[in-house]
Amino acid sequence: MKRNSRLVILCMALAACLLLSACGSQENYPTTPRADSEAQQPAQVQQEQPQVQAQSIIPQVDYDSGAYDPTQEEGGQEELIQAQANAPTPVLVMDSVYAGATPVIIDPVDKPTPTPLPNLKFSYSAYTASALHLTFEGPSGWIVDESAPDTYVLTNPDTSMDYAATVSIRVVPVNKQYSSSEITKEVKGALDTIHSDMNLKSFDPSNTATRTFIDGNGVYAAYRAYTQEGVGVAGRVIINCVNKNLYIMHASYPRSLADTFAEGVYNKIRSSMKITQ
């Protein structure tokens, strides 16, 4: 009887041990923490996205593998830049008064209409300066002034000009035959006199040069200037010494028509002038 009681107690003890071991296993391996693992999954995706984007923007090139082709960098944008560099650059014409300012392209309709220059067509007639013993061809109809004994003056009667063109011819006896260098000094002195007598606001003379004038090579110089009233003036002075006489011609005309008068009136008188005695 006592032996059976001991067996029952032993069996009960074993059953208790088995029960305790089963409870411990349930605590070590819970079955409900899925919510925590699911909550961690989006965080892992967010951390991986920047790495994928960075790899797509900046590809890693293995230059040492032998697979890199450098020709893939040629052409394309470089060709476009070179074509633009070879294209002609438009030039902006700007008045020197505004040099240094930022150029602004203005539509032509906004620009003031320039005053049209007259269409000058000169006809020429023979003139005789008896007191100076000279003949020449000059523009027809110009006003003659012989009030000074050593000077002959022609003046353009056209009042539409902002400056009346004139041609003065003067003969001055000297005590010797002047050399080319001495005639050059006379031309420079004549320019100084013109600058002073005309009371010009600005005066820009050229260098001297030689040109045929009355039986030989004369020395001449050109100038461009502005009067005190802002009127543009231009002109030429040419001098030659023949038989101990200085022949001095001064042509003055509107600056806006300088080429027309220089190539027409001035050259016609200069090339046709002859001594009559």
Protein backbone atom coordinates (compact mmCIF):
# COMPACT_ATOMS: atom_id res chain seq x y z
CA MET A 1 0.00 0.00 0.00
CA LYS A 2 2.74 2.42 0.89
CA ARG A 3 4.57 1.50 -2.31
CA ASN A 4 1.62 2.47 -4.48
CA SER A 5 1.33 5.81 -2.74
CA ARG A 6 4.93 6.61 -3.57
CA LEU A 7 4.31 5.82 -7.24
CA VAL A 8 1.35 8.13 -7.36
CA ILE A 9 3.35 10.97 -5.79
CA LEU A 10 6.21 10.43 -8.27
CA CYS A 11 3.85 10.52 -11.25
CA MET A 12 2.27 13.73 -10.00
CA ALA A 13 5.71 15.34 -9.65
CA LEU A 14 6.66 14.38 -13.21
CA ALA A 15 3.42 15.82 -14.52
CA ALA A 16 4.11 19.10 -12.73
CA CYS A 17 7.55 19.30 -14.27
CA LEU A 18 6.16 18.74 -17.74
CA LEU A 19 3.58 21.48 -17.21
CA LEU A 20 6.21 23.98 -16.09
CA SER A 21 8.43 23.22 -19.07
CA ALA A 22 5.52 23.78 -21.47
CA CYS A 23 4.78 27.22 -19.98
CA GLY A 24 8.43 28.25 -20.30
CA SER A 25 8.48 27.37 -23.99
CA GLN A 26 5.47 29.57 -24.69
CA GLU A 27 7.16 32.60 -23.11
CA ASN A 28 10.37 32.12 -25.09
CA TYR A 29 8.58 31.94 -28.52
CA PRO A 30 5.65 34.40 -28.52
CA THR A 31 3.15 34.08 -31.37
CA THR A 32 1.86 37.74 -31.51
CA PRO A 33 4.76 40.17 -32.29
CA ARG A 34 3.88 40.40 -36.13
CA ALA A 35 2.69 43.94 -35.70
CA ASP A 36 6.20 45.01 -34.67
CA SER A 37 7.87 43.30 -37.63
CA GLU A 38 5.39 44.79 -40.10
CA ALA A 39 5.97 48.26 -38.66
CA GLN A 40 9.70 47.93 -39.28
CA GLN A 41 9.30 46.95 -42.98
CA PRO A 42 8.46 50.46 -44.42
CA ALA A 43 11.45 51.95 -42.61
CA GLN A 44 13.73 49.52 -44.43
CA VAL A 45 12.20 50.47 -47.83
CA GLN A 46 12.64 54.19 -47.14
CA GLN A 47 16.30 53.68 -46.32
CA GLU A 48 16.93 51.78 -49.55
CA GLN A 49 15.24 54.28 -51.95
CA PRO A 50 17.88 57.07 -51.75
CA GLN A 51 20.60 54.56 -52.55
CA VAL A 52 18.77 53.39 -55.71
CA GLN A 53 18.20 56.99 -56.88
CA ALA A 54 21.83 57.96 -56.29
CA GLN A 55 23.03 55.05 -58.38
CA SER A 56 20.73 56.05 -61.29
CA ILE A 57 21.96 59.69 -61.27
CA ILE A 58 25.70 59.10 -60.91
CA PRO A 59 26.64 55.86 -62.66
CA GLN A 60 29.86 54.32 -61.59
CA VAL A 61 32.24 53.86 -64.55
CA ASP A 62 35.04 51.36 -64.36
CA TYR A 63 37.83 53.02 -66.34
CA ASP A 64 40.26 50.19 -65.72
CA SER A 65 38.08 47.35 -67.00
CA GLY A 66 38.74 48.08 -70.66
CA ALA A 67 35.02 48.34 -71.45
CA TYR A 68 34.89 52.17 -71.27
CA ASP A 69 34.58 53.88 -74.67
CA PRO A 70 35.86 57.51 -74.56
CA THR A 71 34.21 58.33 -77.90
CA GLN A 72 30.86 58.42 -76.13
CA GLU A 73 31.86 61.83 -74.74
CA GLU A 74 32.53 63.33 -78.19
CA GLY A 75 30.02 65.27 -80.28
CA GLY A 76 26.61 66.17 -78.94
CA GLN A 77 26.72 69.35 -76.90
CA GLU A 78 30.33 70.05 -77.86
CA GLU A 79 29.32 70.19 -81.56
CA LEU A 80 26.49 72.60 -80.74
CA ILE A 81 28.80 74.86 -78.78
CA GLN A 82 31.36 74.83 -81.62
CA ALA A 83 28.67 75.65 -84.18
CA GLN A 84 27.52 78.56 -82.07
CA ALA A 85 31.11 79.75 -81.71
CA ASN A 86 31.60 79.66 -85.51
CA ALA A 87 28.38 81.53 -86.19
CA PRO A 88 28.84 85.23 -87.16
CA THR A 89 28.32 87.62 -84.30
CA PRO A 90 25.90 90.50 -85.02
CA VAL A 91 27.57 93.86 -84.78
CA LEU A 92 25.77 96.68 -82.96
CA VAL A 93 26.45 100.05 -84.36
CA MET A 94 26.56 102.61 -81.55
CA ASP A 95 27.34 106.27 -81.47
CA SER A 96 30.74 106.91 -79.81
CA VAL A 97 29.01 109.30 -77.42
CA TYR A 98 27.48 106.26 -75.75
CA ALA A 99 30.63 104.11 -75.69
CA GLY A 100 30.81 102.02 -72.53
CA ALA A 101 27.03 101.93 -72.06
CA THR A 102 25.00 98.75 -72.45
CA PRO A 103 23.88 98.58 -76.10
CA VAL A 104 20.14 98.33 -76.64
CA ILE A 105 18.72 97.31 -80.02
CA ILE A 106 15.92 99.68 -81.00
CA ASP A 107 13.32 98.86 -83.59
CA PRO A 108 13.91 101.00 -86.70
CA VAL A 109 10.40 102.46 -86.48
CA ASP A 110 11.38 104.02 -83.15
CA LYS A 111 14.44 105.75 -84.60
CA PRO A 112 14.18 109.37 -85.74
CA THR A 113 14.06 109.80 -89.49
CA PRO A 114 17.37 111.33 -90.63
CA THR A 115 17.25 114.54 -92.64
CA PRO A 116 17.78 113.51 -96.29
CA LEU A 117 20.88 114.98 -97.90
CA PRO A 118 20.34 116.93 -101.10
CA ASN A 119 21.22 115.22 -104.36
CA LEU A 120 24.05 117.48 -105.53
CA LYS A 121 24.85 117.53 -109.23
CA PHE A 122 27.26 120.28 -110.16
CA SER A 123 27.62 121.79 -113.60
CA TYR A 124 30.88 123.65 -114.23
CA SER A 125 31.77 126.90 -115.97
CA ALA A 126 35.03 128.71 -116.74
CA TYR A 127 36.16 131.39 -114.28
CA THR A 128 38.89 133.99 -114.76
CA ALA A 129 40.65 135.63 -111.84
CA SER A 130 42.25 138.46 -113.76
CA ALA A 131 44.05 140.06 -110.81
CA LEU A 132 45.66 136.72 -109.97
CA HIS A 133 46.35 135.73 -113.58
CA LEU A 134 44.51 132.46 -113.17
CA THR A 135 41.77 130.55 -114.96
CA PHE A 136 39.90 127.46 -113.75
CA GLU A 137 36.60 125.61 -113.94
CA GLY A 138 34.21 125.90 -111.02
CA PRO A 139 30.55 125.19 -110.19
CA SER A 140 28.19 127.27 -112.31
CA GLY A 141 26.31 130.14 -110.72
CA TRP A 142 28.47 130.58 -107.59
CA ILE A 143 28.87 134.13 -106.27
CA VAL A 144 32.22 135.82 -107.05
CA ASP A 145 33.99 138.16 -104.62
CA GLU A 146 37.09 140.05 -105.88
CA SER A 147 37.08 142.82 -103.27
CA ALA A 148 40.57 141.87 -102.02
CA PRO A 149 43.31 142.43 -104.63
CA ASP A 150 45.19 139.20 -103.87
CA THR A 151 42.18 136.91 -103.27
CA TYR A 152 39.39 135.44 -105.39
CA VAL A 153 36.39 133.90 -103.56
CA LEU A 154 33.53 131.71 -104.82
CA THR A 155 30.47 131.12 -102.56
CA ASN A 156 27.66 128.62 -103.00
CA PRO A 157 24.37 130.58 -103.22
CA ASP A 158 22.23 127.59 -102.05
CA THR A 159 20.64 128.76 -98.78
CA SER A 160 19.27 125.29 -97.95
CA MET A 161 22.72 124.27 -96.68
CA ASP A 162 23.46 124.61 -92.97
CA TYR A 163 26.87 126.01 -93.96
CA ALA A 164 27.71 127.99 -97.11
CA ALA A 165 30.48 126.32 -99.11
CA THR A 166 33.27 128.65 -100.23
CA VAL A 167 36.49 128.40 -102.25
CA SER A 168 39.12 131.09 -101.80
CA ILE A 169 42.24 131.42 -103.98
CA ARG A 170 45.10 133.66 -102.92
CA VAL A 171 48.48 134.54 -104.48
CA VAL A 172 51.33 135.74 -102.24
CA PRO A 173 54.76 136.74 -103.71
CA VAL A 174 57.80 135.43 -101.81
CA ASN A 175 61.52 136.17 -102.07
CA LYS A 176 62.61 132.67 -103.12
CA GLN A 177 61.38 129.38 -104.49
CA TYR A 178 60.04 127.39 -101.52
CA SER A 179 61.03 123.79 -100.92
CA SER A 180 58.50 121.07 -100.13
CA SER A 181 59.27 121.27 -96.40
CA GLU A 182 58.78 125.04 -96.42
CA ILE A 183 55.45 124.67 -98.24
CA THR A 184 54.43 122.12 -95.60
CA LYS A 185 55.07 124.73 -92.90
CA GLU A 186 52.87 127.16 -94.82
CA VAL A 187 50.04 124.59 -94.94
CA LYS A 188 50.24 124.01 -91.19
CA GLY A 189 50.28 127.76 -90.57
CA ALA A 190 47.21 128.17 -92.80
CA LEU A 191 45.39 125.51 -90.75
CA ASP A 192 46.20 127.38 -87.54
CA THR A 193 44.85 130.61 -89.08
CA ILE A 194 41.63 128.90 -90.17
CA HIS A 195 41.12 127.48 -86.69
CA SER A 196 41.61 130.89 -85.13
CA ASP A 197 39.75 133.10 -87.64
CA MET A 198 36.68 130.88 -87.86
CA ASN A 199 36.42 130.66 -84.04
CA LEU A 200 35.77 126.94 -84.22
CA LYS A 201 34.63 124.91 -81.22
CA SER A 202 36.63 121.87 -82.32
CA PHE A 203 39.21 121.38 -85.03
CA ASP A 204 40.66 118.09 -86.29
CA PRO A 205 43.30 118.47 -89.06
CA SER A 206 44.84 115.60 -91.03
CA ASN A 207 48.48 114.95 -91.84
CA THR A 208 49.94 116.66 -94.88
CA ALA A 209 50.35 115.00 -98.30
CA THR A 210 51.29 115.99 -101.85
CA ARG A 211 49.05 116.45 -104.91
CA THR A 212 49.44 118.13 -108.31
CA PHE A 213 48.46 121.80 -108.23
CA ILE A 214 49.44 124.53 -110.72
CA ASP A 215 52.39 123.14 -112.67
CA GLY A 216 53.83 120.96 -109.91
CA ASN A 217 53.30 119.05 -106.68
CA GLY A 218 51.54 121.02 -103.99
CA VAL A 219 51.18 120.14 -100.31
CA TYR A 220 47.71 119.80 -98.85
CA ALA A 221 45.85 118.82 -95.68
CA ALA A 222 42.20 118.27 -94.81
CA TYR A 223 40.27 119.10 -91.64
CA ARG A 224 36.92 118.55 -89.98
CA ALA A 225 35.50 120.85 -87.34
CA TYR A 226 32.46 122.21 -85.52
CA THR A 227 31.47 125.86 -85.13
CA GLN A 228 30.50 127.35 -81.77
CA GLU A 229 26.86 126.79 -82.78
CA GLY A 230 27.52 123.08 -83.41
CA VAL A 231 27.48 123.25 -87.23
CA GLY A 232 29.73 120.68 -88.88
CA VAL A 233 32.42 122.07 -91.19
CA ALA A 234 35.09 120.39 -93.33
CA GLY A 235 37.69 121.63 -95.78
CA ARG A 236 41.03 121.36 -97.53
CA VAL A 237 44.03 123.62 -97.95
CA ILE A 238 46.57 123.15 -100.79
CA ILE A 239 49.63 125.32 -101.49
CA ASN A 240 52.29 125.32 -104.16
CA CYS A 241 55.15 127.68 -104.94
CA VAL A 242 55.60 128.56 -108.61
CA ASN A 243 57.97 131.28 -109.85
CA LYS A 244 58.36 132.70 -106.32
CA ASN A 245 54.61 132.94 -105.80
CA LEU A 246 52.64 130.97 -103.24
CA TYR A 247 49.34 129.80 -104.69
CA ILE A 248 46.97 129.04 -101.80
CA MET A 249 43.56 127.46 -102.23
CA HIS A 250 41.17 126.87 -99.33
CA ALA A 251 37.88 125.00 -99.88
CA SER A 252 35.37 124.93 -97.02
CA TYR A 253 32.01 123.09 -97.08
CA PRO A 254 29.38 121.36 -94.92
CA ARG A 255 30.82 118.43 -92.99
CA SER A 256 27.87 116.21 -93.90
CA LEU A 257 28.76 116.64 -97.60
CA ALA A 258 32.54 116.59 -97.24
CA ASP A 259 33.15 113.77 -99.71
CA THR A 260 30.81 115.25 -102.32
CA PHE A 261 32.49 118.68 -102.25
CA ALA A 262 36.03 117.32 -101.95
CA GLU A 263 35.70 114.90 -104.84
CA GLY A 264 33.63 117.29 -106.95
CA VAL A 265 34.15 121.04 -106.51
CA TYR A 266 37.59 120.99 -104.86
CA ASN A 267 39.14 118.50 -107.26
CA LYS A 268 37.64 120.20 -110.32
CA ILE A 269 39.07 123.61 -109.41
CA ARG A 270 42.46 122.18 -108.32
CA SER A 271 43.01 120.08 -111.43
CA SER A 272 41.85 122.75 -113.93
CA MET A 273 43.69 125.82 -112.50
CA LYS A 274 46.22 127.40 -114.87
CA ILE A 275 48.44 130.49 -114.90
CA THR A 276 47.51 132.82 -117.77
CA GLN A 277 50.78 134.72 -118.23
